[in-house]
Amino acid sequence: KRMYIPKLHRVTDLKNLDTKPYDLKIVWWEEEQQLSLKNCLNQYPQPKQILIIIGPEGGLSEKEIQHLKEENCHSVSVGDTILRVENAGFLVIGNILYHYEP
């Protein structure tokens, strides 16, 4: 009964990533200590389009995170648990759906 299906993009180089169409841009980074996913979502009550960036096995570098922050991406943490790449997307999307669903 979903009105829309999330769009998945192929693996891409961060330099080729077009972030302009998105209201909220989130990069999930295991080194983030200050901003939780929940607090980030609370700052955006009704985003139309959300970009979620999940790094590869081994994580993103600080240089890559800095590049994404320059593109107005929010580096967020979802706790101390480090997940496999193939599971991380489901967790982030599930948390976002839970947060915004009435």
N, C-alpha and C. Protein backbone atom coordinates (compact mmCIF):
# COMPACT_ATOMS: atom_id res chain seq x y z
N LYS A 1 0.82 -1.20 0.00
CA LYS A 1 0.00 0.00 0.00
C LYS A 1 0.86 1.26 0.00
N ARG A 2 2.09 1.14 -0.41
CA ARG A 2 3.00 2.29 -0.45
C ARG A 2 2.65 3.16 -1.65
N MET A 3 2.67 4.47 -1.45
CA MET A 3 2.36 5.42 -2.51
C MET A 3 3.54 5.60 -3.46
N TYR A 4 4.75 5.33 -2.98
CA TYR A 4 5.94 5.48 -3.81
C TYR A 4 6.97 4.45 -3.37
N ILE A 5 7.87 4.16 -4.25
CA ILE A 5 8.94 3.21 -3.96
C ILE A 5 10.25 3.99 -3.88
N PRO A 6 11.04 3.79 -2.81
CA PRO A 6 12.32 4.49 -2.74
C PRO A 6 13.18 4.17 -3.95
N LYS A 7 13.87 5.17 -4.46
CA LYS A 7 14.74 5.00 -5.62
C LYS A 7 16.15 4.69 -5.13
N LEU A 8 16.69 3.60 -5.62
CA LEU A 8 18.06 3.22 -5.28
C LEU A 8 18.97 3.59 -6.43
N HIS A 9 20.09 4.19 -6.10
CA HIS A 9 21.07 4.57 -7.12
C HIS A 9 22.21 3.55 -7.13
N ARG A 10 22.83 3.43 -8.26
CA ARG A 10 24.01 2.56 -8.36
C ARG A 10 25.15 3.12 -7.53
N VAL A 11 26.11 2.29 -7.24
CA VAL A 11 27.31 2.74 -6.56
C VAL A 11 27.96 3.81 -7.44
N THR A 12 28.32 4.93 -6.83
CA THR A 12 28.87 6.03 -7.61
C THR A 12 29.99 6.72 -6.85
N ASP A 13 30.83 7.38 -7.58
CA ASP A 13 31.87 8.21 -6.98
C ASP A 13 31.19 9.44 -6.38
N LEU A 14 31.57 9.83 -5.18
CA LEU A 14 30.92 10.96 -4.52
C LEU A 14 31.04 12.26 -5.31
N LYS A 15 32.08 12.39 -6.10
CA LYS A 15 32.26 13.60 -6.90
C LYS A 15 31.22 13.70 -8.01
N ASN A 16 30.62 12.58 -8.40
CA ASN A 16 29.61 12.56 -9.47
C ASN A 16 28.19 12.58 -8.92
N LEU A 17 28.04 12.66 -7.63
CA LEU A 17 26.73 12.60 -7.00
C LEU A 17 26.03 13.96 -7.09
N ASP A 18 24.82 13.98 -7.65
CA ASP A 18 24.04 15.22 -7.75
C ASP A 18 23.14 15.32 -6.52
N THR A 19 23.47 16.23 -5.62
CA THR A 19 22.70 16.38 -4.38
C THR A 19 21.66 17.50 -4.45
N LYS A 20 21.63 18.23 -5.54
CA LYS A 20 20.76 19.41 -5.64
C LYS A 20 19.26 19.13 -5.49
N PRO A 21 18.72 18.04 -6.04
CA PRO A 21 17.26 17.88 -5.97
C PRO A 21 16.70 17.53 -4.59
N TYR A 22 17.55 17.33 -3.61
CA TYR A 22 17.10 16.80 -2.32
C TYR A 22 16.95 17.89 -1.26
N ASP A 23 15.86 17.81 -0.51
CA ASP A 23 15.61 18.74 0.60
C ASP A 23 16.48 18.41 1.81
N LEU A 24 16.69 17.14 2.03
CA LEU A 24 17.46 16.67 3.18
C LEU A 24 18.47 15.66 2.68
N LYS A 25 19.73 15.88 3.04
CA LYS A 25 20.81 15.00 2.60
C LYS A 25 21.51 14.46 3.84
N ILE A 26 21.54 13.14 3.95
CA ILE A 26 22.08 12.48 5.13
C ILE A 26 23.18 11.51 4.70
N VAL A 27 24.30 11.59 5.40
CA VAL A 27 25.34 10.58 5.22
C VAL A 27 25.51 9.88 6.56
N TRP A 28 25.38 8.58 6.54
CA TRP A 28 25.49 7.79 7.74
C TRP A 28 26.96 7.46 7.94
N TRP A 29 27.54 7.97 9.03
CA TRP A 29 28.98 7.81 9.27
C TRP A 29 29.23 7.28 10.67
N GLU A 30 29.91 6.17 10.74
CA GLU A 30 30.12 5.52 12.04
C GLU A 30 31.00 6.32 12.99
N GLU A 31 31.72 7.32 12.48
CA GLU A 31 32.59 8.14 13.34
C GLU A 31 31.86 9.37 13.90
N GLU A 32 30.65 9.63 13.44
CA GLU A 32 29.91 10.81 13.91
C GLU A 32 29.59 10.65 15.39
N GLN A 33 29.87 11.68 16.16
CA GLN A 33 29.64 11.63 17.60
C GLN A 33 28.61 12.64 18.09
N GLN A 34 28.25 13.64 17.26
CA GLN A 34 27.43 14.74 17.75
C GLN A 34 25.98 14.71 17.28
N LEU A 35 25.73 14.35 16.04
CA LEU A 35 24.37 14.45 15.50
C LEU A 35 23.78 13.07 15.25
N SER A 36 22.69 12.78 15.95
CA SER A 36 22.00 11.50 15.74
C SER A 36 21.02 11.64 14.58
N LEU A 37 20.64 10.52 14.00
CA LEU A 37 19.65 10.53 12.93
C LEU A 37 18.35 11.16 13.43
N LYS A 38 17.93 10.81 14.63
CA LYS A 38 16.69 11.34 15.20
C LYS A 38 16.74 12.87 15.29
N ASN A 39 17.83 13.42 15.82
CA ASN A 39 17.93 14.88 15.95
C ASN A 39 17.98 15.56 14.60
N CYS A 40 18.62 14.94 13.64
CA CYS A 40 18.66 15.51 12.29
C CYS A 40 17.26 15.55 11.69
N LEU A 41 16.53 14.45 11.80
CA LEU A 41 15.17 14.40 11.23
C LEU A 41 14.24 15.39 11.92
N ASN A 42 14.45 15.63 13.20
CA ASN A 42 13.62 16.60 13.93
C ASN A 42 13.77 18.01 13.37
N GLN A 43 14.89 18.31 12.74
CA GLN A 43 15.14 19.63 12.18
C GLN A 43 14.43 19.84 10.84
N TYR A 44 13.93 18.75 10.24
CA TYR A 44 13.28 18.81 8.93
C TYR A 44 11.90 18.15 9.02
N PRO A 45 10.87 18.93 9.36
CA PRO A 45 9.56 18.34 9.63
C PRO A 45 8.90 17.65 8.43
N GLN A 46 9.05 18.16 7.23
CA GLN A 46 8.36 17.57 6.08
C GLN A 46 9.21 17.63 4.80
N PRO A 47 10.35 16.97 4.76
CA PRO A 47 11.15 17.01 3.53
C PRO A 47 10.44 16.25 2.41
N LYS A 48 10.54 16.76 1.21
CA LYS A 48 9.91 16.11 0.05
C LYS A 48 10.79 14.98 -0.49
N GLN A 49 12.10 15.24 -0.54
CA GLN A 49 13.03 14.23 -1.04
C GLN A 49 14.23 14.13 -0.10
N ILE A 50 14.56 12.91 0.25
CA ILE A 50 15.68 12.67 1.16
C ILE A 50 16.73 11.83 0.43
N LEU A 51 17.97 12.27 0.52
CA LEU A 51 19.10 11.51 -0.01
C LEU A 51 19.80 10.86 1.17
N ILE A 52 19.99 9.55 1.09
CA ILE A 52 20.70 8.81 2.13
C ILE A 52 21.97 8.25 1.51
N ILE A 53 23.09 8.58 2.10
CA ILE A 53 24.38 8.09 1.60
C ILE A 53 24.95 7.13 2.64
N ILE A 54 25.28 5.93 2.19
CA ILE A 54 25.88 4.92 3.05
C ILE A 54 27.19 4.51 2.39
N GLY A 55 28.26 4.57 3.14
CA GLY A 55 29.57 4.26 2.60
C GLY A 55 29.81 2.78 2.40
N PRO A 56 30.96 2.44 1.85
CA PRO A 56 31.31 1.05 1.59
C PRO A 56 31.78 0.35 2.87
N GLU A 57 32.01 -0.95 2.77
CA GLU A 57 32.64 -1.68 3.87
C GLU A 57 33.93 -0.97 4.21
N GLY A 58 34.18 -0.76 5.48
CA GLY A 58 35.37 -0.03 5.89
C GLY A 58 35.10 1.44 6.12
N GLY A 59 33.94 1.91 5.68
CA GLY A 59 33.52 3.28 5.96
C GLY A 59 34.05 4.33 5.01
N LEU A 60 33.57 5.55 5.22
CA LEU A 60 34.00 6.70 4.44
C LEU A 60 35.17 7.38 5.15
N SER A 61 36.01 8.03 4.37
CA SER A 61 37.14 8.75 4.96
C SER A 61 36.69 10.13 5.45
N GLU A 62 37.50 10.75 6.28
CA GLU A 62 37.19 12.10 6.74
C GLU A 62 37.17 13.07 5.57
N LYS A 63 38.01 12.86 4.58
CA LYS A 63 38.03 13.71 3.39
C LYS A 63 36.71 13.59 2.62
N GLU A 64 36.19 12.38 2.50
CA GLU A 64 34.91 12.17 1.82
C GLU A 64 33.77 12.83 2.61
N ILE A 65 33.80 12.70 3.92
CA ILE A 65 32.77 13.33 4.76
C ILE A 65 32.84 14.85 4.61
N GLN A 66 34.03 15.41 4.60
CA GLN A 66 34.18 16.85 4.43
C GLN A 66 33.59 17.31 3.10
N HIS A 67 33.86 16.54 2.03
CA HIS A 67 33.29 16.87 0.71
C HIS A 67 31.76 16.86 0.77
N LEU A 68 31.19 15.86 1.43
CA LEU A 68 29.73 15.78 1.53
C LEU A 68 29.15 16.91 2.38
N LYS A 69 29.85 17.29 3.43
CA LYS A 69 29.38 18.42 4.25
C LYS A 69 29.40 19.72 3.44
N GLU A 70 30.36 19.85 2.54
CA GLU A 70 30.39 21.02 1.66
C GLU A 70 29.20 21.02 0.70
N GLU A 71 28.60 19.85 0.47
CA GLU A 71 27.40 19.72 -0.35
C GLU A 71 26.13 19.79 0.51
N ASN A 72 26.29 20.27 1.74
CA ASN A 72 25.18 20.42 2.71
C ASN A 72 24.56 19.10 3.16
N CYS A 73 25.38 18.07 3.21
CA CYS A 73 24.93 16.79 3.77
C CYS A 73 25.15 16.80 5.27
N HIS A 74 24.24 16.18 5.99
CA HIS A 74 24.35 16.06 7.44
C HIS A 74 24.96 14.71 7.77
N SER A 75 26.07 14.73 8.46
CA SER A 75 26.70 13.50 8.92
C SER A 75 25.99 13.07 10.19
N VAL A 76 25.41 11.87 10.19
CA VAL A 76 24.63 11.42 11.34
C VAL A 76 25.11 10.07 11.84
N SER A 77 24.81 9.82 13.09
CA SER A 77 25.09 8.55 13.74
C SER A 77 23.75 7.90 14.08
N VAL A 78 23.73 6.60 14.04
CA VAL A 78 22.55 5.89 14.55
C VAL A 78 22.94 4.97 15.69
N GLY A 79 23.98 5.34 16.40
CA GLY A 79 24.39 4.57 17.57
C GLY A 79 25.74 3.92 17.38
N ASP A 80 26.06 3.04 18.31
CA ASP A 80 27.38 2.41 18.33
C ASP A 80 27.49 1.18 17.43
N THR A 81 26.38 0.67 16.97
CA THR A 81 26.41 -0.54 16.16
C THR A 81 26.87 -0.23 14.74
N ILE A 82 27.86 -0.97 14.27
CA ILE A 82 28.30 -0.84 12.88
C ILE A 82 27.72 -2.01 12.11
N LEU A 83 26.98 -1.69 11.06
CA LEU A 83 26.29 -2.72 10.29
C LEU A 83 26.98 -2.99 8.96
N ARG A 84 26.66 -4.09 8.38
CA ARG A 84 27.11 -4.40 7.03
C ARG A 84 26.37 -3.46 6.06
N VAL A 85 27.01 -3.15 4.95
CA VAL A 85 26.44 -2.23 3.98
C VAL A 85 25.05 -2.70 3.53
N GLU A 86 24.91 -3.98 3.27
CA GLU A 86 23.63 -4.49 2.75
C GLU A 86 22.50 -4.40 3.77
N ASN A 87 22.81 -4.22 5.04
CA ASN A 87 21.77 -4.08 6.07
C ASN A 87 21.53 -2.63 6.47
N ALA A 88 22.52 -1.78 6.31
CA ALA A 88 22.44 -0.40 6.78
C ALA A 88 21.30 0.38 6.13
N GLY A 89 21.12 0.22 4.84
CA GLY A 89 20.07 0.94 4.13
C GLY A 89 18.69 0.65 4.68
N PHE A 90 18.42 -0.62 4.97
CA PHE A 90 17.12 -1.00 5.53
C PHE A 90 16.88 -0.34 6.88
N LEU A 91 17.92 -0.30 7.70
CA LEU A 91 17.78 0.30 9.02
C LEU A 91 17.50 1.80 8.92
N VAL A 92 18.25 2.50 8.08
CA VAL A 92 18.06 3.95 7.94
C VAL A 92 16.68 4.25 7.38
N ILE A 93 16.28 3.56 6.32
CA ILE A 93 14.96 3.80 5.74
C ILE A 93 13.86 3.48 6.75
N GLY A 94 14.01 2.39 7.48
CA GLY A 94 13.02 2.03 8.50
C GLY A 94 12.89 3.10 9.57
N ASN A 95 14.02 3.64 10.01
CA ASN A 95 13.99 4.70 11.02
C ASN A 95 13.35 5.97 10.47
N ILE A 96 13.63 6.30 9.23
CA ILE A 96 13.04 7.50 8.61
C ILE A 96 11.54 7.33 8.46
N LEU A 97 11.10 6.17 7.97
CA LEU A 97 9.66 5.91 7.84
C LEU A 97 8.97 5.98 9.20
N TYR A 98 9.58 5.39 10.21
CA TYR A 98 9.01 5.42 11.55
C TYR A 98 8.89 6.86 12.05
N HIS A 99 9.93 7.66 11.81
CA HIS A 99 9.94 9.04 12.29
C HIS A 99 8.83 9.88 11.65
N TYR A 100 8.64 9.74 10.34
CA TYR A 100 7.71 10.62 9.63
C TYR A 100 6.29 10.08 9.51
N GLU A 101 6.07 8.80 9.73
CA GLU A 101 4.72 8.26 9.62
C GLU A 101 3.87 8.73 10.79
N PRO A 102 2.60 9.06 10.53
CA PRO A 102 1.71 9.51 11.61
C PRO A 102 1.36 8.39 12.56
